[in-house]
Amino acid sequence: FAMAAPAYRRVPVNDETATEPRGVRSISERLTDKFYAIAWITVALLVARWTHFFQKLLTDERIIRPLFYLAVTCLGINTVLIFYLTVYLPRFKNITDQAAWDVYCPRVVPSMTVVGILCGILFIRATWPVWGFLSPLILGVESLGFLFVLHFIPAM
């Protein structure tokens, strides 16, 4: 079977040679993104139902509680920092360009990276006695499902 190759389109070297406005995407691209988001959300919901995810996290005695509480604290720290970057800076400081983050608050993104990695490791270790080697997979699917829910939150 010979498949037709997509038409060749020159990659713009800089913004001046770009033919399409930046950030403009076709309807099919946006629908594909929404489809993948719905798929990940559905898989996350099925995994949560199959594993009794929230019930286990809140009530199972095998969860290593000190590590779990540290992981929840790391998640809270990252949530506050995300709101700082996406709500506080644009609304109250009129910093709307993401490139300005490196100038105005250069340590926030690296701090979020370290805290996020620590959060993932702590969650995996805290839930290991419950789901064993499936812990990274289950937590990864749930994280992606939560991340893709953000596709359906309207922009401010």
Protein backbone atom coordinates (compact mmCIF):
# COMPACT_ATOMS: atom_id res chain seq x y z
CA PHE A 1 0.00 0.00 0.00
CA ALA A 2 1.31 3.38 -0.94
CA MET A 3 0.12 6.19 1.29
CA ALA A 4 0.00 9.72 -0.01
CA ALA A 5 2.57 11.87 1.71
CA PRO A 6 1.35 15.17 3.13
CA ALA A 7 2.15 18.21 1.06
CA TYR A 8 5.53 19.70 1.81
CA ARG A 9 5.41 22.94 3.74
CA ARG A 10 8.56 24.94 4.36
CA VAL A 11 9.36 25.48 8.03
CA PRO A 12 9.58 29.21 8.77
CA VAL A 13 13.03 30.38 9.80
CA ASN A 14 11.70 33.27 11.85
CA ASP A 15 8.41 34.96 12.64
CA GLU A 16 8.65 37.28 9.63
CA THR A 17 8.59 34.41 7.12
CA ALA A 18 5.73 32.57 8.81
CA THR A 19 2.61 32.49 6.66
CA GLU A 20 0.15 31.55 9.41
CA PRO A 21 -0.40 33.63 12.52
CA ARG A 22 1.27 32.15 15.55
CA GLY A 23 -0.94 29.90 17.65
CA VAL A 24 -3.62 29.45 14.96
CA ARG A 25 -4.60 25.81 14.71
CA SER A 26 -7.09 24.07 12.50
CA ILE A 27 -10.38 22.74 13.78
CA SER A 28 -9.23 19.17 13.21
CA GLU A 29 -6.12 19.76 15.35
CA ARG A 30 -8.22 21.21 18.17
CA LEU A 31 -10.73 18.35 17.94
CA THR A 32 -7.90 15.83 18.01
CA ASP A 33 -6.53 17.45 21.17
CA LYS A 34 -9.98 17.35 22.78
CA PHE A 35 -10.38 13.69 21.76
CA TYR A 36 -7.07 12.74 23.37
CA ALA A 37 -7.99 14.72 26.48
CA ILE A 38 -11.32 12.89 26.75
CA ALA A 39 -9.55 9.57 26.21
CA TRP A 40 -7.04 10.21 29.02
CA ILE A 41 -9.78 11.43 31.36
CA THR A 42 -11.84 8.32 30.61
CA VAL A 43 -8.88 6.01 31.22
CA ALA A 44 -8.09 7.83 34.48
CA LEU A 45 -11.70 7.48 35.64
CA LEU A 46 -11.72 3.77 34.78
CA VAL A 47 -8.42 3.19 36.59
CA ALA A 48 -9.69 5.15 39.61
CA ARG A 49 -12.84 3.04 39.68
CA TRP A 50 -11.01 -0.25 39.14
CA THR A 51 -8.41 0.44 41.85
CA HIS A 52 -10.74 2.27 44.27
CA PHE A 53 -8.12 5.01 44.02
CA PHE A 54 -9.53 7.69 46.32
CA GLN A 55 -10.88 5.22 48.87
CA LYS A 56 -7.48 3.55 49.12
CA LEU A 57 -5.63 6.85 49.42
CA LEU A 58 -7.88 8.09 52.19
CA THR A 59 -8.55 4.95 54.22
CA ASP A 60 -6.08 2.14 53.46
CA GLU A 61 -3.79 1.41 56.40
CA ARG A 62 -1.00 0.17 54.12
CA ILE A 63 -0.37 3.68 52.78
CA ILE A 64 2.80 5.07 54.36
CA ARG A 65 1.13 8.15 55.88
CA PRO A 66 4.19 10.36 56.64
CA LEU A 67 5.38 10.03 53.03
CA PHE A 68 1.84 10.52 51.76
CA TYR A 69 1.44 13.73 53.77
CA LEU A 70 4.79 15.02 52.49
CA ALA A 71 3.69 14.25 48.91
CA VAL A 72 0.39 16.09 49.46
CA THR A 73 2.35 19.04 50.87
CA CYS A 74 4.57 19.07 47.76
CA LEU A 75 1.46 18.97 45.58
CA GLY A 76 0.04 21.91 47.53
CA ILE A 77 3.26 23.89 47.12
CA ASN A 78 3.24 23.32 43.35
CA THR A 79 -0.44 24.27 43.16
CA VAL A 80 0.22 27.56 44.96
CA LEU A 81 3.18 28.30 42.68
CA ILE A 82 1.11 27.55 39.57
CA PHE A 83 -1.59 29.95 40.76
CA TYR A 84 1.13 32.52 41.46
CA LEU A 85 2.42 32.27 37.90
CA THR A 86 -0.91 31.99 36.10
CA VAL A 87 -3.27 34.12 38.19
CA TYR A 88 -1.42 36.49 40.52
CA LEU A 89 1.28 37.74 38.14
CA PRO A 90 -1.07 38.45 35.19
CA ARG A 91 -3.89 39.94 37.26
CA PHE A 92 -2.07 41.96 39.91
CA LYS A 93 1.41 42.59 38.48
CA ASN A 94 0.43 42.83 34.79
CA ILE A 95 3.07 40.27 33.81
CA THR A 96 1.41 38.40 30.96
CA ASP A 97 4.45 37.15 29.05
CA GLN A 98 5.82 33.82 30.25
CA ALA A 99 9.32 34.88 29.21
CA ALA A 100 9.19 37.53 31.95
CA TRP A 101 9.00 34.79 34.60
CA ASP A 102 12.74 34.20 34.20
CA VAL A 103 13.38 37.85 35.01
CA TYR A 104 10.72 38.57 37.63
CA CYS A 105 10.84 35.27 39.52
CA PRO A 106 13.73 33.16 38.17
CA ARG A 107 13.65 30.48 40.87
CA VAL A 108 9.95 29.53 40.68
CA VAL A 109 10.05 27.15 37.69
CA PRO A 110 13.19 25.26 38.83
CA SER A 111 11.70 25.02 42.34
CA MET A 112 8.47 23.64 40.91
CA THR A 113 10.46 21.06 38.96
CA VAL A 114 12.32 19.81 42.05
CA VAL A 115 9.17 19.81 44.19
CA GLY A 116 7.24 18.00 41.42
CA ILE A 117 9.84 15.25 41.08
CA LEU A 118 9.98 14.85 44.86
CA CYS A 119 6.17 14.74 44.95
CA GLY A 120 6.05 11.93 42.39
CA ILE A 121 8.70 9.87 44.18
CA LEU A 122 6.97 10.32 47.54
CA PHE A 123 3.55 9.37 46.15
CA ILE A 124 4.97 6.24 44.52
CA ARG A 125 6.78 5.19 47.70
CA ALA A 126 3.75 5.94 49.90
CA THR A 127 1.41 3.84 47.74
CA TRP A 128 3.87 1.03 46.99
CA PRO A 129 2.53 -1.27 49.76
CA VAL A 130 -0.96 -1.05 48.23
CA TRP A 131 -0.37 -1.42 44.47
CA GLY A 132 3.26 -2.55 44.31
CA PHE A 133 4.97 -2.16 40.94
CA LEU A 134 1.70 -0.80 39.48
CA SER A 135 1.96 2.32 41.66
CA PRO A 136 3.93 4.38 39.10
CA LEU A 137 1.55 3.35 36.32
CA ILE A 138 -1.61 4.07 38.32
CA LEU A 139 -0.34 7.41 39.61
CA GLY A 140 0.90 8.36 36.15
CA VAL A 141 -2.48 7.65 34.54
CA GLU A 142 -4.30 9.58 37.28
CA SER A 143 -1.91 12.52 36.91
CA LEU A 144 -2.39 12.65 33.15
CA GLY A 145 -6.16 12.42 33.58
CA PHE A 146 -6.08 15.36 35.97
CA LEU A 147 -3.78 17.30 33.65
CA PHE A 148 -6.06 16.78 30.65
CA VAL A 149 -9.10 17.99 32.61
CA LEU A 150 -7.50 21.42 32.25
CA HIS A 151 -8.31 21.31 28.51
CA PHE A 152 -11.93 21.97 29.41
CA ILE A 153 -11.41 24.92 31.75
CA PRO A 154 -12.05 28.15 29.86
CA ALA A 155 -9.25 30.73 29.64
CA MET A 156 -9.48 33.83 31.79
